[in-house]
């Protein structure tokens, strides 16, 4: 996996209490991505994801819509250097 990329996302809107984290985890695993997703105290959702850039971009597209009951207002995308390799995708 020499072409592994990493991105940090902050998703804002109605993204808590709508199965956003579980749906994000399921989607990321389907794409073969690694990382984690968690709720933030301010109502946003934070995601750190690693994998092939094209698959990460597909997950970003999914994050802009989210699961059926979510209403996403914004997705802040920050591409990063990978400091450590992650081996699964979990909910924190």
C-alpha atoms as a PDB file:
ATOM      1  CA  UNK A   1       0.000   0.000   0.000  1.00  0.00           C
ATOM      2  CA  UNK A   2       2.601   2.544  -1.033  1.00  0.00           C
ATOM      3  CA  UNK A   3      -0.070   4.770  -2.557  1.00  0.00           C
ATOM      4  CA  UNK A   4      -1.986   5.071   0.717  1.00  0.00           C
ATOM      5  CA  UNK A   5      -3.477   8.485   1.386  1.00  0.00           C
ATOM      6  CA  UNK A   6      -4.963   9.943   4.549  1.00  0.00           C
ATOM      7  CA  UNK A   7      -7.690  12.507   5.024  1.00  0.00           C
ATOM      8  CA  UNK A   8      -9.248  14.155   8.076  1.00  0.00           C
ATOM      9  CA  UNK A   9     -12.908  15.191   7.797  1.00  0.00           C
ATOM     10  CA  UNK A  10     -15.215  17.300   9.935  1.00  0.00           C
ATOM     11  CA  UNK A  11     -18.861  16.903   8.963  1.00  0.00           C
ATOM     12  CA  UNK A  12     -21.380  19.430  10.245  1.00  0.00           C
ATOM     13  CA  UNK A  13     -25.154  19.566  10.133  1.00  0.00           C
ATOM     14  CA  UNK A  14     -27.723  17.125  11.492  1.00  0.00           C
ATOM     15  CA  UNK A  15     -25.221  14.282  11.716  1.00  0.00           C
ATOM     16  CA  UNK A  16     -25.682  12.925  15.242  1.00  0.00           C
ATOM     17  CA  UNK A  17     -28.558  10.655  16.212  1.00  0.00           C
ATOM     18  CA  UNK A  18     -29.162   9.625  12.586  1.00  0.00           C
ATOM     19  CA  UNK A  19     -26.859   6.555  12.367  1.00  0.00           C
ATOM     20  CA  UNK A  20     -24.172   8.630  10.630  1.00  0.00           C
ATOM     21  CA  UNK A  21     -21.246   6.889  12.357  1.00  0.00           C
ATOM     22  CA  UNK A  22     -22.517   3.345  11.775  1.00  0.00           C
ATOM     23  CA  UNK A  23     -23.374   4.111   8.145  1.00  0.00           C
ATOM     24  CA  UNK A  24     -19.991   5.770   7.595  1.00  0.00           C
ATOM     25  CA  UNK A  25     -18.212   2.761   9.086  1.00  0.00           C
ATOM     26  CA  UNK A  26     -20.182   0.353   6.878  1.00  0.00           C
ATOM     27  CA  UNK A  27     -19.453   2.420   3.757  1.00  0.00           C
ATOM     28  CA  UNK A  28     -15.745   2.765   4.575  1.00  0.00           C
ATOM     29  CA  UNK A  29     -15.400  -0.982   5.119  1.00  0.00           C
ATOM     30  CA  UNK A  30     -17.134  -1.638   1.775  1.00  0.00           C
ATOM     31  CA  UNK A  31     -14.508   0.588   0.120  1.00  0.00           C
ATOM     32  CA  UNK A  32     -11.695  -1.235   1.951  1.00  0.00           C
ATOM     33  CA  UNK A  33     -10.689   1.873   3.934  1.00  0.00           C
ATOM     34  CA  UNK A  34      -9.158   2.073   7.408  1.00  0.00           C
ATOM     35  CA  UNK A  35      -9.657   4.682  10.121  1.00  0.00           C
ATOM     36  CA  UNK A  36     -12.308   5.813  12.555  1.00  0.00           C
ATOM     37  CA  UNK A  37     -15.389   7.992  12.998  1.00  0.00           C
ATOM     38  CA  UNK A  38     -16.585   9.732  16.162  1.00  0.00           C
ATOM     39  CA  UNK A  39     -19.079  12.280  17.419  1.00  0.00           C
ATOM     40  CA  UNK A  40     -17.756  15.620  18.629  1.00  0.00           C
ATOM     41  CA  UNK A  41     -19.243  17.540  21.595  1.00  0.00           C
ATOM     42  CA  UNK A  42     -20.364  20.400  19.309  1.00  0.00           C
ATOM     43  CA  UNK A  43     -22.627  18.111  17.234  1.00  0.00           C
ATOM     44  CA  UNK A  44     -20.196  17.528  14.360  1.00  0.00           C
ATOM     45  CA  UNK A  45     -18.755  14.174  13.286  1.00  0.00           C
ATOM     46  CA  UNK A  46     -15.002  13.637  12.835  1.00  0.00           C
ATOM     47  CA  UNK A  47     -13.512  11.046  10.478  1.00  0.00           C
ATOM     48  CA  UNK A  48      -9.918   9.966   9.876  1.00  0.00           C
ATOM     49  CA  UNK A  49      -9.525   7.648   6.913  1.00  0.00           C
ATOM     50  CA  UNK A  50      -6.668   5.922   5.096  1.00  0.00           C
ATOM     51  CA  UNK A  51      -6.602   4.047   1.822  1.00  0.00           C
ATOM     52  CA  UNK A  52      -6.492   4.490  -1.932  1.00  0.00           C
ATOM     53  CA  UNK A  53      -7.139   8.103  -2.889  1.00  0.00           C
ATOM     54  CA  UNK A  54      -9.954   7.244  -5.320  1.00  0.00           C
ATOM     55  CA  UNK A  55     -11.778   5.225  -2.657  1.00  0.00           C
ATOM     56  CA  UNK A  56     -11.300   8.004  -0.093  1.00  0.00           C
ATOM     57  CA  UNK A  57     -12.794  10.455  -2.589  1.00  0.00           C
ATOM     58  CA  UNK A  58     -15.795   8.139  -2.948  1.00  0.00           C
ATOM     59  CA  UNK A  59     -16.206   8.131   0.847  1.00  0.00           C
ATOM     60  CA  UNK A  60     -15.977  11.940   0.890  1.00  0.00           C
ATOM     61  CA  UNK A  61     -18.789  12.053  -1.676  1.00  0.00           C
ATOM     62  CA  UNK A  62     -20.832   9.745   0.569  1.00  0.00           C
ATOM     63  CA  UNK A  63     -20.075  11.949   3.612  1.00  0.00           C
ATOM     64  CA  UNK A  64     -21.558  14.947   1.807  1.00  0.00           C
ATOM     65  CA  UNK A  65     -24.925  13.141   1.750  1.00  0.00           C
ATOM     66  CA  UNK A  66     -24.728  10.745   4.699  1.00  0.00           C
ATOM     67  CA  UNK A  67     -27.456   8.286   5.666  1.00  0.00           C
ATOM     68  CA  UNK A  68     -31.131   9.001   4.849  1.00  0.00           C
ATOM     69  CA  UNK A  69     -32.014  11.046   7.981  1.00  0.00           C
ATOM     70  CA  UNK A  70     -28.846  13.164   8.003  1.00  0.00           C
ATOM     71  CA  UNK A  71     -28.704  16.729   6.744  1.00  0.00           C
ATOM     72  CA  UNK A  72     -25.087  17.581   5.960  1.00  0.00           C
ATOM     73  CA  UNK A  73     -24.279  21.301   5.853  1.00  0.00           C
ATOM     74  CA  UNK A  74     -20.518  21.115   5.330  1.00  0.00           C
ATOM     75  CA  UNK A  75     -17.625  18.682   4.988  1.00  0.00           C
ATOM     76  CA  UNK A  76     -14.213  20.118   5.839  1.00  0.00           C
ATOM     77  CA  UNK A  77     -11.537  18.070   4.047  1.00  0.00           C
ATOM     78  CA  UNK A  78      -7.875  18.103   5.087  1.00  0.00           C
ATOM     79  CA  UNK A  79      -5.454  15.784   3.281  1.00  0.00           C
ATOM     80  CA  UNK A  80      -2.623  14.793   5.625  1.00  0.00           C
ATOM     81  CA  UNK A  81       0.645  12.930   5.708  1.00  0.00           C
ATOM     82  CA  UNK A  82       0.144   9.487   7.187  1.00  0.00           C
ATOM     83  CA  UNK A  83       1.887   9.317  10.567  1.00  0.00           C
ATOM     84  CA  UNK A  84       0.804   5.784  11.505  1.00  0.00           C
ATOM     85  CA  UNK A  85      -0.939   3.009   9.621  1.00  0.00           C
ATOM     86  CA  UNK A  86      -4.421   2.020  10.764  1.00  0.00           C
ATOM     87  CA  UNK A  87      -5.615  -1.565  10.332  1.00  0.00           C
ATOM     88  CA  UNK A  88      -9.396  -1.411  10.696  1.00  0.00           C
ATOM     89  CA  UNK A  89     -12.278   1.070  10.627  1.00  0.00           C
ATOM     90  CA  UNK A  90     -13.945   1.684  13.954  1.00  0.00           C
ATOM     91  CA  UNK A  91     -16.394   3.884  15.783  1.00  0.00           C
ATOM     92  CA  UNK A  92     -14.928   5.860  18.672  1.00  0.00           C
END
